[in-house]
Amino acid sequence: MDLTFHHLIPRKVHRRARFKKNFTRESLNQGVYLCRAWHSGIHKRYDEMTLATHYASWDAISSDPDLQRHFAWVAKQRLTKQARA
C-alpha cells in the first residue's frame, strides 16, 4: 500500500510568525507516513491550526478517541485494487 507523508505541523502554518519563531525548520518538517485513508481522516476531522496546536505529535494524534475510531474502522476495510498497487 502506498503511504503519504503527514506533517505533524501542517505546511500551511509554517509561514506564520508564531511557528517561525518557536520552531526550527527541522521540527516544522517532522512527520509520519500514513496510508491515504488515515491521512484523509485526520484532515477531515481537524483544520490545520488545530492540528498544529493540539495534534503536533504522533502521541497526540493516536490518543484522540475520534481518530482512534476512524483508524479502527479503516483497519477493517478491504483493500481496493488501487490501494494495493
PDB file of N, CA and C in Angstrom:
ATOM      1  N   MET A   1       0.845  -1.173   0.000  1.00  0.00           N
ATOM      2  CA  MET A   1       0.000   0.000   0.000  1.00  0.00           C
ATOM      3  C   MET A   1       0.893   1.239   0.000  1.00  0.00           C
ATOM      4  N   ASP A   2       0.548   2.195  -0.808  1.00  0.00           N
ATOM      5  CA  ASP A   2       1.303   3.447  -0.838  1.00  0.00           C
ATOM      6  C   ASP A   2       1.035   4.250   0.435  1.00  0.00           C
ATOM      7  N   LEU A   3       2.071   4.898   0.924  1.00  0.00           N
ATOM      8  CA  LEU A   3       1.952   5.736   2.112  1.00  0.00           C
ATOM      9  C   LEU A   3       2.136   7.198   1.725  1.00  0.00           C
ATOM     10  N   THR A   4       1.530   8.072   2.508  1.00  0.00           N
ATOM     11  CA  THR A   4       1.675   9.511   2.290  1.00  0.00           C
ATOM     12  C   THR A   4       2.325  10.124   3.523  1.00  0.00           C
ATOM     13  N   PHE A   5       3.024  11.233   3.339  1.00  0.00           N
ATOM     14  CA  PHE A   5       3.717  11.896   4.439  1.00  0.00           C
ATOM     15  C   PHE A   5       2.794  12.928   5.068  1.00  0.00           C
ATOM     16  N   HIS A   6       2.591  12.819   6.367  1.00  0.00           N
ATOM     17  CA  HIS A   6       1.762  13.770   7.115  1.00  0.00           C
ATOM     18  C   HIS A   6       2.678  14.627   7.978  1.00  0.00           C
ATOM     19  N   HIS A   7       2.725  15.926   7.684  1.00  0.00           N
ATOM     20  CA  HIS A   7       3.491  16.848   8.522  1.00  0.00           C
ATOM     21  C   HIS A   7       2.759  16.994   9.858  1.00  0.00           C
ATOM     22  N   LEU A   8       3.471  16.811  10.956  1.00  0.00           N
ATOM     23  CA  LEU A   8       2.834  16.949  12.269  1.00  0.00           C
ATOM     24  C   LEU A   8       2.390  18.390  12.502  1.00  0.00           C
ATOM     25  N   ILE A   9       3.143  19.339  11.988  1.00  0.00           N
ATOM     26  CA  ILE A   9       2.707  20.740  11.956  1.00  0.00           C
ATOM     27  C   ILE A   9       2.459  21.033  10.481  1.00  0.00           C
ATOM     28  N   PRO A  10       1.198  21.205  10.092  1.00  0.00           N
ATOM     29  CA  PRO A  10       0.873  21.348   8.671  1.00  0.00           C
ATOM     30  C   PRO A  10       1.654  22.474   7.986  1.00  0.00           C
ATOM     31  N   ARG A  11       2.042  22.213   6.757  1.00  0.00           N
ATOM     32  CA  ARG A  11       2.848  23.165   5.992  1.00  0.00           C
ATOM     33  C   ARG A  11       2.141  24.506   5.825  1.00  0.00           C
ATOM     34  N   LYS A  12       0.846  24.506   5.820  1.00  0.00           N
ATOM     35  CA  LYS A  12       0.086  25.736   5.623  1.00  0.00           C
ATOM     36  C   LYS A  12       0.376  26.772   6.717  1.00  0.00           C
ATOM     37  N   VAL A  13       0.748  26.333   7.922  1.00  0.00           N
ATOM     38  CA  VAL A  13       1.002  27.279   9.017  1.00  0.00           C
ATOM     39  C   VAL A  13       2.485  27.554   9.235  1.00  0.00           C
ATOM     40  N   HIS A  14       3.376  26.931   8.478  1.00  0.00           N
ATOM     41  CA  HIS A  14       4.810  27.127   8.670  1.00  0.00           C
ATOM     42  C   HIS A  14       5.227  28.582   8.512  1.00  0.00           C
ATOM     43  N   ARG A  15       4.569  29.317   7.648  1.00  0.00           N
ATOM     44  CA  ARG A  15       4.980  30.704   7.390  1.00  0.00           C
ATOM     45  C   ARG A  15       4.457  31.697   8.426  1.00  0.00           C
ATOM     46  N   ARG A  16       3.597  31.274   9.306  1.00  0.00           N
ATOM     47  CA  ARG A  16       3.081  32.182  10.338  1.00  0.00           C
ATOM     48  C   ARG A  16       4.175  32.493  11.355  1.00  0.00           C
ATOM     49  N   ALA A  17       4.184  33.741  11.827  1.00  0.00           N
ATOM     50  CA  ALA A  17       5.240  34.218  12.722  1.00  0.00           C
ATOM     51  C   ALA A  17       5.364  33.360  13.981  1.00  0.00           C
ATOM     52  N   ARG A  18       4.258  32.941  14.545  1.00  0.00           N
ATOM     53  CA  ARG A  18       4.264  32.128  15.765  1.00  0.00           C
ATOM     54  C   ARG A  18       5.076  30.846  15.573  1.00  0.00           C
ATOM     55  N   PHE A  19       4.918  30.214  14.435  1.00  0.00           N
ATOM     56  CA  PHE A  19       5.600  28.952  14.183  1.00  0.00           C
ATOM     57  C   PHE A  19       7.044  29.179  13.747  1.00  0.00           C
ATOM     58  N   LYS A  20       7.305  30.229  12.970  1.00  0.00           N
ATOM     59  CA  LYS A  20       8.675  30.549  12.570  1.00  0.00           C
ATOM     60  C   LYS A  20       9.532  30.858  13.795  1.00  0.00           C
ATOM     61  N   LYS A  21       8.931  31.553  14.758  1.00  0.00           N
ATOM     62  CA  LYS A  21       9.649  31.990  15.947  1.00  0.00           C
ATOM     63  C   LYS A  21       9.918  30.830  16.915  1.00  0.00           C
ATOM     64  N   ASN A  22       8.972  29.926  17.056  1.00  0.00           N
ATOM     65  CA  ASN A  22       9.055  28.907  18.100  1.00  0.00           C
ATOM     66  C   ASN A  22       9.553  27.534  17.652  1.00  0.00           C
ATOM     67  N   PHE A  23       9.729  27.337  16.349  1.00  0.00           N
ATOM     68  CA  PHE A  23      10.134  26.025  15.860  1.00  0.00           C
ATOM     69  C   PHE A  23      11.280  26.150  14.863  1.00  0.00           C
ATOM     70  N   THR A  24      12.151  25.176  14.883  1.00  0.00           N
ATOM     71  CA  THR A  24      13.219  25.132  13.884  1.00  0.00           C
ATOM     72  C   THR A  24      12.639  24.570  12.589  1.00  0.00           C
ATOM     73  N   ARG A  25      13.361  24.732  11.513  1.00  0.00           N
ATOM     74  CA  ARG A  25      12.933  24.186  10.224  1.00  0.00           C
ATOM     75  C   ARG A  25      12.795  22.667  10.311  1.00  0.00           C
ATOM     76  N   GLU A  26      13.725  22.036  11.018  1.00  0.00           N
ATOM     77  CA  GLU A  26      13.680  20.580  11.156  1.00  0.00           C
ATOM     78  C   GLU A  26      12.432  20.121  11.902  1.00  0.00           C
ATOM     79  N   SER A  27      12.081  20.825  12.977  1.00  0.00           N
ATOM     80  CA  SER A  27      10.901  20.418  13.737  1.00  0.00           C
ATOM     81  C   SER A  27       9.617  20.690  12.959  1.00  0.00           C
ATOM     82  N   LEU A  28       9.606  21.735  12.136  1.00  0.00           N
ATOM     83  CA  LEU A  28       8.424  22.002  11.309  1.00  0.00           C
ATOM     84  C   LEU A  28       8.229  20.927  10.250  1.00  0.00           C
ATOM     85  N   ASN A  29       9.311  20.318   9.814  1.00  0.00           N
ATOM     86  CA  ASN A  29       9.226  19.318   8.752  1.00  0.00           C
ATOM     87  C   ASN A  29       9.133  17.887   9.257  1.00  0.00           C
ATOM     88  N   GLN A  30       8.954  17.693  10.551  1.00  0.00           N
ATOM     89  CA  GLN A  30       8.783  16.346  11.078  1.00  0.00           C
ATOM     90  C   GLN A  30       7.405  15.821  10.708  1.00  0.00           C
ATOM     91  N   GLY A  31       7.338  14.520  10.533  1.00  0.00           N
ATOM     92  CA  GLY A  31       6.061  13.933  10.188  1.00  0.00           C
ATOM     93  C   GLY A  31       6.087  12.429  10.277  1.00  0.00           C
ATOM     94  N   VAL A  32       4.993  11.834   9.858  1.00  0.00           N
ATOM     95  CA  VAL A  32       4.849  10.381   9.861  1.00  0.00           C
ATOM     96  C   VAL A  32       4.263   9.944   8.525  1.00  0.00           C
ATOM     97  N   TYR A  33       4.566   8.718   8.131  1.00  0.00           N
ATOM     98  CA  TYR A  33       3.980   8.151   6.925  1.00  0.00           C
ATOM     99  C   TYR A  33       2.717   7.397   7.302  1.00  0.00           C
ATOM    100  N   LEU A  34       1.646   7.684   6.573  1.00  0.00           N
ATOM    101  CA  LEU A  34       0.340   7.083   6.832  1.00  0.00           C
ATOM    102  C   LEU A  34      -0.275   6.603   5.532  1.00  0.00           C
ATOM    103  N   CYS A  35      -1.201   5.669   5.643  1.00  0.00           N
ATOM    104  CA  CYS A  35      -1.965   5.302   4.448  1.00  0.00           C
ATOM    105  C   CYS A  35      -2.887   6.475   4.113  1.00  0.00           C
ATOM    106  N   ARG A  36      -3.339   6.531   2.880  1.00  0.00           N
ATOM    107  CA  ARG A  36      -4.170   7.647   2.413  1.00  0.00           C
ATOM    108  C   ARG A  36      -5.451   7.782   3.240  1.00  0.00           C
ATOM    109  N   ALA A  37      -6.069   6.674   3.613  1.00  0.00           N
ATOM    110  CA  ALA A  37      -7.329   6.732   4.367  1.00  0.00           C
ATOM    111  C   ALA A  37      -7.125   7.352   5.753  1.00  0.00           C
ATOM    112  N   TRP A  38      -6.046   6.991   6.425  1.00  0.00           N
ATOM    113  CA  TRP A  38      -5.766   7.591   7.729  1.00  0.00           C
ATOM    114  C   TRP A  38      -5.474   9.076   7.566  1.00  0.00           C
ATOM    115  N   HIS A  39      -4.635   9.395   6.591  1.00  0.00           N
ATOM    116  CA  HIS A  39      -4.237  10.785   6.355  1.00  0.00           C
ATOM    117  C   HIS A  39      -5.461  11.655   6.055  1.00  0.00           C
ATOM    118  N   SER A  40      -6.311  11.181   5.170  1.00  0.00           N
ATOM    119  CA  SER A  40      -7.520  11.937   4.821  1.00  0.00           C
ATOM    120  C   SER A  40      -8.436  12.093   6.024  1.00  0.00           C
ATOM    121  N   GLY A  41      -8.555  11.047   6.826  1.00  0.00           N
ATOM    122  CA  GLY A  41      -9.407  11.107   8.018  1.00  0.00           C
ATOM    123  C   GLY A  41      -8.949  12.156   9.008  1.00  0.00           C
ATOM    124  N   ILE A  42      -7.653  12.281   9.195  1.00  0.00           N
ATOM    125  CA  ILE A  42      -7.112  13.294  10.105  1.00  0.00           C
ATOM    126  C   ILE A  42      -7.486  14.683   9.612  1.00  0.00           C
ATOM    127  N   HIS A  43      -7.299  14.936   8.321  1.00  0.00           N
ATOM    128  CA  HIS A  43      -7.559  16.268   7.780  1.00  0.00           C
ATOM    129  C   HIS A  43      -9.048  16.576   7.636  1.00  0.00           C
ATOM    130  N   LYS A  44      -9.885  15.569   7.537  1.00  0.00           N
ATOM    131  CA  LYS A  44     -11.329  15.804   7.505  1.00  0.00           C
ATOM    132  C   LYS A  44     -11.851  16.216   8.877  1.00  0.00           C
ATOM    133  N   ARG A  45     -11.223  15.709   9.923  1.00  0.00           N
ATOM    134  CA  ARG A  45     -11.705  15.969  11.269  1.00  0.00           C
ATOM    135  C   ARG A  45     -11.187  17.285  11.857  1.00  0.00           C
ATOM    136  N   TYR A  46      -9.975  17.689  11.503  1.00  0.00           N
ATOM    137  CA  TYR A  46      -9.369  18.862  12.136  1.00  0.00           C
ATOM    138  C   TYR A  46      -8.756  19.790  11.097  1.00  0.00           C
ATOM    139  N   ASP A  47      -8.908  21.096  11.329  1.00  0.00           N
ATOM    140  CA  ASP A  47      -8.289  22.066  10.423  1.00  0.00           C
ATOM    141  C   ASP A  47      -6.795  22.183  10.749  1.00  0.00           C
ATOM    142  N   GLU A  48      -6.066  22.887   9.901  1.00  0.00           N
ATOM    143  CA  GLU A  48      -4.620  22.960  10.025  1.00  0.00           C
ATOM    144  C   GLU A  48      -4.161  23.583  11.344  1.00  0.00           C
ATOM    145  N   MET A  49      -4.837  24.650  11.788  1.00  0.00           N
ATOM    146  CA  MET A  49      -4.416  25.307  13.023  1.00  0.00           C
ATOM    147  C   MET A  49      -4.638  24.395  14.230  1.00  0.00           C
ATOM    148  N   THR A  50      -5.731  23.657  14.241  1.00  0.00           N
ATOM    149  CA  THR A  50      -5.988  22.718  15.336  1.00  0.00           C
ATOM    150  C   THR A  50      -4.935  21.618  15.335  1.00  0.00           C
ATOM    151  N   LEU A  51      -4.622  21.099  14.151  1.00  0.00           N
ATOM    152  CA  LEU A  51      -3.579  20.079  14.058  1.00  0.00           C
ATOM    153  C   LEU A  51      -2.242  20.622  14.566  1.00  0.00           C
ATOM    154  N   ALA A  52      -1.905  21.849  14.187  1.00  0.00           N
ATOM    155  CA  ALA A  52      -0.619  22.438  14.563  1.00  0.00           C
ATOM    156  C   ALA A  52      -0.523  22.707  16.063  1.00  0.00           C
ATOM    157  N   THR A  53      -1.619  23.092  16.683  1.00  0.00           N
ATOM    158  CA  THR A  53      -1.559  23.469  18.097  1.00  0.00           C
ATOM    159  C   THR A  53      -1.869  22.312  19.052  1.00  0.00           C
ATOM    160  N   HIS A  54      -2.731  21.397  18.653  1.00  0.00           N
ATOM    161  CA  HIS A  54      -3.151  20.328  19.568  1.00  0.00           C
ATOM    162  C   HIS A  54      -2.689  18.927  19.174  1.00  0.00           C
ATOM    163  N   TYR A  55      -2.360  18.725  17.911  1.00  0.00           N
ATOM    164  CA  TYR A  55      -2.020  17.391  17.419  1.00  0.00           C
ATOM    165  C   TYR A  55      -0.681  17.377  16.688  1.00  0.00           C
ATOM    166  N   ALA A  56       0.322  18.022  17.274  1.00  0.00           N
ATOM    167  CA  ALA A  56       1.629  18.156  16.633  1.00  0.00           C
ATOM    168  C   ALA A  56       2.589  17.024  17.012  1.00  0.00           C
ATOM    169  N   SER A  57       2.045  15.919  17.493  1.00  0.00           N
ATOM    170  CA  SER A  57       2.878  14.748  17.777  1.00  0.00           C
ATOM    171  C   SER A  57       2.061  13.500  17.470  1.00  0.00           C
ATOM    172  N   TRP A  58       2.760  12.408  17.204  1.00  0.00           N
ATOM    173  CA  TRP A  58       2.058  11.157  16.925  1.00  0.00           C
ATOM    174  C   TRP A  58       1.300  10.695  18.158  1.00  0.00           C
ATOM    175  N   ASP A  59       1.845  10.936  19.354  1.00  0.00           N
ATOM    176  CA  ASP A  59       1.148  10.543  20.579  1.00  0.00           C
ATOM    177  C   ASP A  59      -0.193  11.249  20.705  1.00  0.00           C
ATOM    178  N   ALA A  60      -0.236  12.534  20.384  1.00  0.00           N
ATOM    179  CA  ALA A  60      -1.486  13.288  20.458  1.00  0.00           C
ATOM    180  C   ALA A  60      -2.496  12.789  19.427  1.00  0.00           C
ATOM    181  N   ILE A  61      -2.028  12.511  18.222  1.00  0.00           N
ATOM    182  CA  ILE A  61      -2.924  12.018  17.167  1.00  0.00           C
ATOM    183  C   ILE A  61      -3.468  10.646  17.536  1.00  0.00           C
ATOM    184  N   SER A  62      -2.590   9.756  17.945  1.00  0.00           N
ATOM    185  CA  SER A  62      -3.014   8.383  18.207  1.00  0.00           C
ATOM    186  C   SER A  62      -3.829   8.235  19.481  1.00  0.00           C
ATOM    187  N   SER A  63      -3.798   9.219  20.371  1.00  0.00           N
ATOM    188  CA  SER A  63      -4.589   9.123  21.599  1.00  0.00           C
ATOM    189  C   SER A  63      -5.955   9.801  21.483  1.00  0.00           C
ATOM    190  N   ASP A  64      -6.236  10.453  20.371  1.00  0.00           N
ATOM    191  CA  ASP A  64      -7.525  11.111  20.173  1.00  0.00           C
ATOM    192  C   ASP A  64      -8.613  10.047  19.946  1.00  0.00           C
ATOM    193  N   PRO A  65      -9.680  10.039  20.758  1.00  0.00           N
ATOM    194  CA  PRO A  65     -10.716   8.998  20.636  1.00  0.00           C
ATOM    195  C   PRO A  65     -11.401   8.973  19.270  1.00  0.00           C
ATOM    196  N   ASP A  66     -11.678  10.130  18.696  1.00  0.00           N
ATOM    197  CA  ASP A  66     -12.340  10.169  17.389  1.00  0.00           C
ATOM    198  C   ASP A  66     -11.442   9.570  16.309  1.00  0.00           C
ATOM    199  N   LEU A  67     -10.169   9.917  16.348  1.00  0.00           N
ATOM    200  CA  LEU A  67      -9.234   9.363  15.368  1.00  0.00           C
ATOM    201  C   LEU A  67      -8.998   7.871  15.608  1.00  0.00           C
ATOM    202  N   GLN A  68      -9.002   7.434  16.862  1.00  0.00           N
ATOM    203  CA  GLN A  68      -8.866   6.006  17.148  1.00  0.00           C
ATOM    204  C   GLN A  68     -10.015   5.219  16.510  1.00  0.00           C
ATOM    205  N   ARG A  69     -11.231   5.751  16.614  1.00  0.00           N
ATOM    206  CA  ARG A  69     -12.387   5.093  15.980  1.00  0.00           C
ATOM    207  C   ARG A  69     -12.215   5.049  14.468  1.00  0.00           C
ATOM    208  N   HIS A  70     -11.741   6.152  13.890  1.00  0.00           N
ATOM    209  CA  HIS A  70     -11.529   6.182  12.445  1.00  0.00           C
ATOM    210  C   HIS A  70     -10.461   5.169  12.035  1.00  0.00           C
ATOM    211  N   PHE A  71      -9.347   5.124  12.750  1.00  0.00           N
ATOM    212  CA  PHE A  71      -8.266   4.193  12.422  1.00  0.00           C
ATOM    213  C   PHE A  71      -8.750   2.753  12.535  1.00  0.00           C
ATOM    214  N   ALA A  72      -9.555   2.459  13.555  1.00  0.00           N
ATOM    215  CA  ALA A  72     -10.092   1.101  13.724  1.00  0.00           C
ATOM    216  C   ALA A  72     -11.016   0.755  12.560  1.00  0.00           C
ATOM    217  N   TRP A  73     -11.832   1.719  12.128  1.00  0.00           N
ATOM    218  CA  TRP A  73     -12.729   1.491  11.001  1.00  0.00           C
ATOM    219  C   TRP A  73     -11.928   1.217   9.724  1.00  0.00           C
ATOM    220  N   VAL A  74     -10.900   2.025   9.476  1.00  0.00           N
ATOM    221  CA  VAL A  74     -10.067   1.844   8.280  1.00  0.00           C
ATOM    222  C   VAL A  74      -9.414   0.465   8.298  1.00  0.00           C
ATOM    223  N   ALA A  75      -8.964   0.030   9.462  1.00  0.00           N
ATOM    224  CA  ALA A  75      -8.285  -1.263   9.568  1.00  0.00           C
ATOM    225  C   ALA A  75      -9.203  -2.424   9.171  1.00  0.00           C
ATOM    226  N   LYS A  76     -10.511  -2.257   9.286  1.00  0.00           N
ATOM    227  CA  LYS A  76     -11.466  -3.314   8.949  1.00  0.00           C
ATOM    228  C   LYS A  76     -11.839  -3.332   7.469  1.00  0.00           C
ATOM    229  N   GLN A  77     -11.472  -2.285   6.732  1.00  0.00           N
ATOM    230  CA  GLN A  77     -11.874  -2.176   5.335  1.00  0.00           C
ATOM    231  C   GLN A  77     -11.003  -3.060   4.448  1.00  0.00           C
ATOM    232  N   ARG A  78     -11.607  -3.541   3.385  1.00  0.00           N
ATOM    233  CA  ARG A  78     -10.852  -4.326   2.402  1.00  0.00           C
ATOM    234  C   ARG A  78     -10.015  -3.391   1.551  1.00  0.00           C
ATOM    235  N   LEU A  79      -8.865  -3.852   1.154  1.00  0.00           N
ATOM    236  CA  LEU A  79      -8.028  -3.073   0.256  1.00  0.00           C
ATOM    237  C   LEU A  79      -8.622  -3.099  -1.147  1.00  0.00           C
ATOM    238  N   THR A  80      -8.626  -1.958  -1.794  1.00  0.00           N
ATOM    239  CA  THR A  80      -9.059  -1.904  -3.170  1.00  0.00           C
ATOM    240  C   THR A  80      -7.877  -2.209  -4.078  1.00  0.00           C
ATOM    241  N   LYS A  81      -8.142  -2.469  -5.328  1.00  0.00           N
ATOM    242  CA  LYS A  81      -7.055  -2.732  -6.275  1.00  0.00           C
ATOM    243  C   LYS A  81      -6.094  -1.546  -6.320  1.00  0.00           C
ATOM    244  N   GLN A  82      -6.637  -0.345  -6.290  1.00  0.00           N
ATOM    245  CA  GLN A  82      -5.813   0.865  -6.353  1.00  0.00           C
ATOM    246  C   GLN A  82      -4.923   0.972  -5.115  1.00  0.00           C
ATOM    247  N   ALA A  83      -5.441   0.653  -3.939  1.00  0.00           N
ATOM    248  CA  ALA A  83      -4.659   0.759  -2.713  1.00  0.00           C
ATOM    249  C   ALA A  83      -3.551  -0.289  -2.654  1.00  0.00           C
ATOM    250  N   ARG A  84      -3.754  -1.439  -3.279  1.00  0.00           N
ATOM    251  CA  ARG A  84      -2.747  -2.496  -3.275  1.00  0.00           C
ATOM    252  C   ARG A  84      -1.583  -2.187  -4.194  1.00  0.00           C
ATOM    253  N   ALA A  85      -1.819  -1.370  -5.217  1.00  0.00           N
ATOM    254  CA  ALA A  85      -0.779  -1.098  -6.231  1.00  0.00           C
ATOM    255  C   ALA A  85       0.363  -0.274  -5.679  1.00  0.00           C
TER     256      ALA A  85
END
